[in-house]
């Protein structure tokens, strides 16, 4: 699936909990939230608003 990064919600350095929304993707007029898979600190956000991503692309690194 190919999607556009519609909105970046979190920033590098933020403390996140499992289930927090990091970014919102848009594909075929549907909004798809990308959720944190674990608790931790968001070390890297590898996308910006307007970027095009597809399945398997790195979006964020949580430590």
N, C-alpha and C. Protein backbone atom coordinates (compact mmCIF):
# COMPACT_ATOMS: atom_id res chain seq x y z
N UNK A 1 0.84 -1.17 0.00
CA UNK A 1 0.00 0.00 0.00
C UNK A 1 0.89 1.25 0.00
N UNK A 2 0.56 2.21 -0.79
CA UNK A 2 1.26 3.49 -0.85
C UNK A 2 0.38 4.52 -0.17
N UNK A 3 1.00 5.38 0.66
CA UNK A 3 0.23 6.39 1.38
C UNK A 3 1.05 7.67 1.49
N UNK A 4 0.36 8.77 1.71
CA UNK A 4 1.00 10.05 1.96
C UNK A 4 1.00 10.31 3.47
N UNK A 5 2.07 10.92 3.96
CA UNK A 5 2.10 11.34 5.36
C UNK A 5 1.28 12.62 5.42
N UNK A 6 0.10 12.51 6.02
CA UNK A 6 -0.83 13.63 6.07
C UNK A 6 -0.51 14.57 7.22
N UNK A 7 -0.23 13.98 8.41
CA UNK A 7 0.04 14.81 9.59
C UNK A 7 1.03 14.11 10.50
N UNK A 8 2.04 14.84 10.97
CA UNK A 8 2.99 14.33 11.95
C UNK A 8 2.51 14.82 13.32
N UNK A 9 2.25 13.87 14.22
CA UNK A 9 1.68 14.19 15.53
C UNK A 9 2.77 14.28 16.61
N UNK A 10 3.75 13.41 16.55
CA UNK A 10 4.80 13.34 17.58
C UNK A 10 6.11 13.93 17.04
N UNK A 11 7.02 14.22 17.96
CA UNK A 11 8.33 14.76 17.60
C UNK A 11 9.44 13.94 18.25
N UNK A 12 10.61 13.96 17.64
CA UNK A 12 11.76 13.29 18.22
C UNK A 12 11.99 13.83 19.62
N UNK A 13 12.25 12.92 20.56
CA UNK A 13 12.46 13.29 21.94
C UNK A 13 11.22 13.13 22.81
N UNK A 14 10.06 12.98 22.19
CA UNK A 14 8.82 12.78 22.95
C UNK A 14 8.82 11.42 23.63
N UNK A 15 8.23 11.37 24.81
CA UNK A 15 7.98 10.10 25.49
C UNK A 15 6.63 9.61 25.00
N UNK A 16 6.58 8.37 24.52
CA UNK A 16 5.34 7.81 23.98
C UNK A 16 4.98 6.53 24.72
N UNK A 17 3.70 6.23 24.71
CA UNK A 17 3.18 4.99 25.28
C UNK A 17 2.63 4.12 24.17
N UNK A 18 2.61 2.82 24.39
CA UNK A 18 2.05 1.90 23.41
C UNK A 18 0.65 2.37 23.04
N UNK A 19 0.39 2.48 21.74
CA UNK A 19 -0.92 2.90 21.25
C UNK A 19 -1.03 4.38 20.93
N UNK A 20 -0.03 5.19 21.31
CA UNK A 20 -0.06 6.62 20.96
C UNK A 20 0.09 6.78 19.45
N UNK A 21 -0.60 7.77 18.90
CA UNK A 21 -0.49 8.07 17.48
C UNK A 21 0.79 8.86 17.22
N UNK A 22 1.59 8.39 16.25
CA UNK A 22 2.84 9.07 15.88
C UNK A 22 2.63 9.94 14.65
N UNK A 23 2.05 9.36 13.61
CA UNK A 23 1.74 10.09 12.38
C UNK A 23 0.40 9.58 11.85
N UNK A 24 -0.20 10.36 10.96
CA UNK A 24 -1.43 9.94 10.30
C UNK A 24 -1.15 9.89 8.81
N UNK A 25 -1.40 8.74 8.22
CA UNK A 25 -1.23 8.55 6.79
C UNK A 25 -2.57 8.74 6.10
N UNK A 26 -2.51 9.06 4.80
CA UNK A 26 -3.72 9.19 3.98
C UNK A 26 -3.53 8.35 2.74
N UNK A 27 -4.50 7.50 2.48
CA UNK A 27 -4.48 6.67 1.28
C UNK A 27 -5.92 6.45 0.82
N UNK A 28 -6.18 6.75 -0.42
CA UNK A 28 -7.51 6.60 -1.00
C UNK A 28 -8.57 7.29 -0.13
N UNK A 29 -8.25 8.49 0.33
CA UNK A 29 -9.13 9.35 1.14
C UNK A 29 -9.47 8.75 2.50
N UNK A 30 -8.67 7.79 2.94
CA UNK A 30 -8.83 7.22 4.28
C UNK A 30 -7.66 7.68 5.14
N UNK A 31 -7.93 8.01 6.39
CA UNK A 31 -6.88 8.37 7.34
C UNK A 31 -6.47 7.13 8.11
N UNK A 32 -5.17 6.87 8.18
CA UNK A 32 -4.64 5.67 8.82
C UNK A 32 -3.62 6.10 9.88
N UNK A 33 -3.96 5.94 11.17
CA UNK A 33 -2.99 6.31 12.21
C UNK A 33 -1.88 5.28 12.31
N UNK A 34 -0.65 5.75 12.51
CA UNK A 34 0.49 4.88 12.81
C UNK A 34 0.72 4.99 14.30
N UNK A 35 0.60 3.85 15.00
CA UNK A 35 0.65 3.84 16.46
C UNK A 35 1.97 3.33 16.98
N UNK A 36 2.38 3.83 18.15
CA UNK A 36 3.58 3.32 18.82
C UNK A 36 3.32 1.88 19.24
N UNK A 37 4.28 1.01 18.96
CA UNK A 37 4.13 -0.40 19.30
C UNK A 37 4.64 -0.71 20.70
N UNK A 38 5.31 0.25 21.34
CA UNK A 38 5.82 0.03 22.70
C UNK A 38 6.00 1.38 23.39
N UNK A 39 6.17 1.33 24.71
CA UNK A 39 6.49 2.54 25.48
C UNK A 39 7.95 2.90 25.25
N UNK A 40 8.28 4.17 25.32
CA UNK A 40 9.66 4.59 25.20
C UNK A 40 9.79 6.03 24.77
N UNK A 41 10.99 6.35 24.28
CA UNK A 41 11.28 7.70 23.79
C UNK A 41 11.42 7.65 22.27
N UNK A 42 10.76 8.55 21.60
CA UNK A 42 10.84 8.62 20.14
C UNK A 42 12.20 9.21 19.77
N UNK A 43 13.11 8.36 19.31
CA UNK A 43 14.48 8.79 18.99
C UNK A 43 14.59 9.40 17.60
N UNK A 44 13.81 8.88 16.66
CA UNK A 44 13.91 9.37 15.28
C UNK A 44 12.56 9.28 14.62
N UNK A 45 12.19 10.33 13.92
CA UNK A 45 11.01 10.32 13.07
C UNK A 45 11.53 10.44 11.65
N UNK A 46 11.36 9.38 10.86
CA UNK A 46 12.00 9.30 9.55
C UNK A 46 11.14 9.84 8.41
N UNK A 47 10.00 10.47 8.73
CA UNK A 47 9.12 11.00 7.70
C UNK A 47 8.73 12.44 8.03
N UNK A 48 8.30 13.15 7.01
CA UNK A 48 7.78 14.51 7.16
C UNK A 48 6.43 14.58 6.47
N UNK A 49 5.64 15.57 6.85
CA UNK A 49 4.35 15.75 6.19
C UNK A 49 4.57 15.92 4.69
N UNK A 50 3.75 15.20 3.91
CA UNK A 50 3.85 15.26 2.46
C UNK A 50 4.68 14.14 1.85
N UNK A 51 5.46 13.43 2.67
CA UNK A 51 6.24 12.30 2.16
C UNK A 51 5.32 11.17 1.69
N UNK A 52 5.81 10.39 0.76
CA UNK A 52 5.11 9.19 0.30
C UNK A 52 5.82 7.99 0.89
N UNK A 53 5.04 7.10 1.53
CA UNK A 53 5.60 5.89 2.14
C UNK A 53 4.85 4.67 1.61
N UNK A 54 5.52 3.54 1.72
CA UNK A 54 4.86 2.29 1.35
C UNK A 54 5.19 1.23 2.39
N UNK A 55 4.50 0.14 2.31
CA UNK A 55 4.68 -0.93 3.29
C UNK A 55 6.16 -1.30 3.42
N UNK A 56 6.62 -1.35 4.67
CA UNK A 56 8.01 -1.72 4.95
C UNK A 56 8.92 -0.53 5.18
N UNK A 57 8.49 0.68 4.85
CA UNK A 57 9.33 1.87 5.06
C UNK A 57 9.45 2.19 6.55
N UNK A 58 10.62 2.68 6.97
CA UNK A 58 10.83 3.12 8.35
C UNK A 58 10.10 4.43 8.57
N UNK A 59 9.31 4.48 9.65
CA UNK A 59 8.60 5.70 9.99
C UNK A 59 9.19 6.31 11.26
N UNK A 60 9.43 5.48 12.27
CA UNK A 60 9.92 6.00 13.54
C UNK A 60 10.76 4.96 14.27
N UNK A 61 11.65 5.47 15.14
CA UNK A 61 12.47 4.59 16.00
C UNK A 61 12.15 4.97 17.44
N UNK A 62 11.71 3.96 18.22
CA UNK A 62 11.40 4.17 19.63
C UNK A 62 12.37 3.32 20.45
N UNK A 63 13.00 3.93 21.44
CA UNK A 63 13.92 3.19 22.32
C UNK A 63 13.39 3.20 23.72
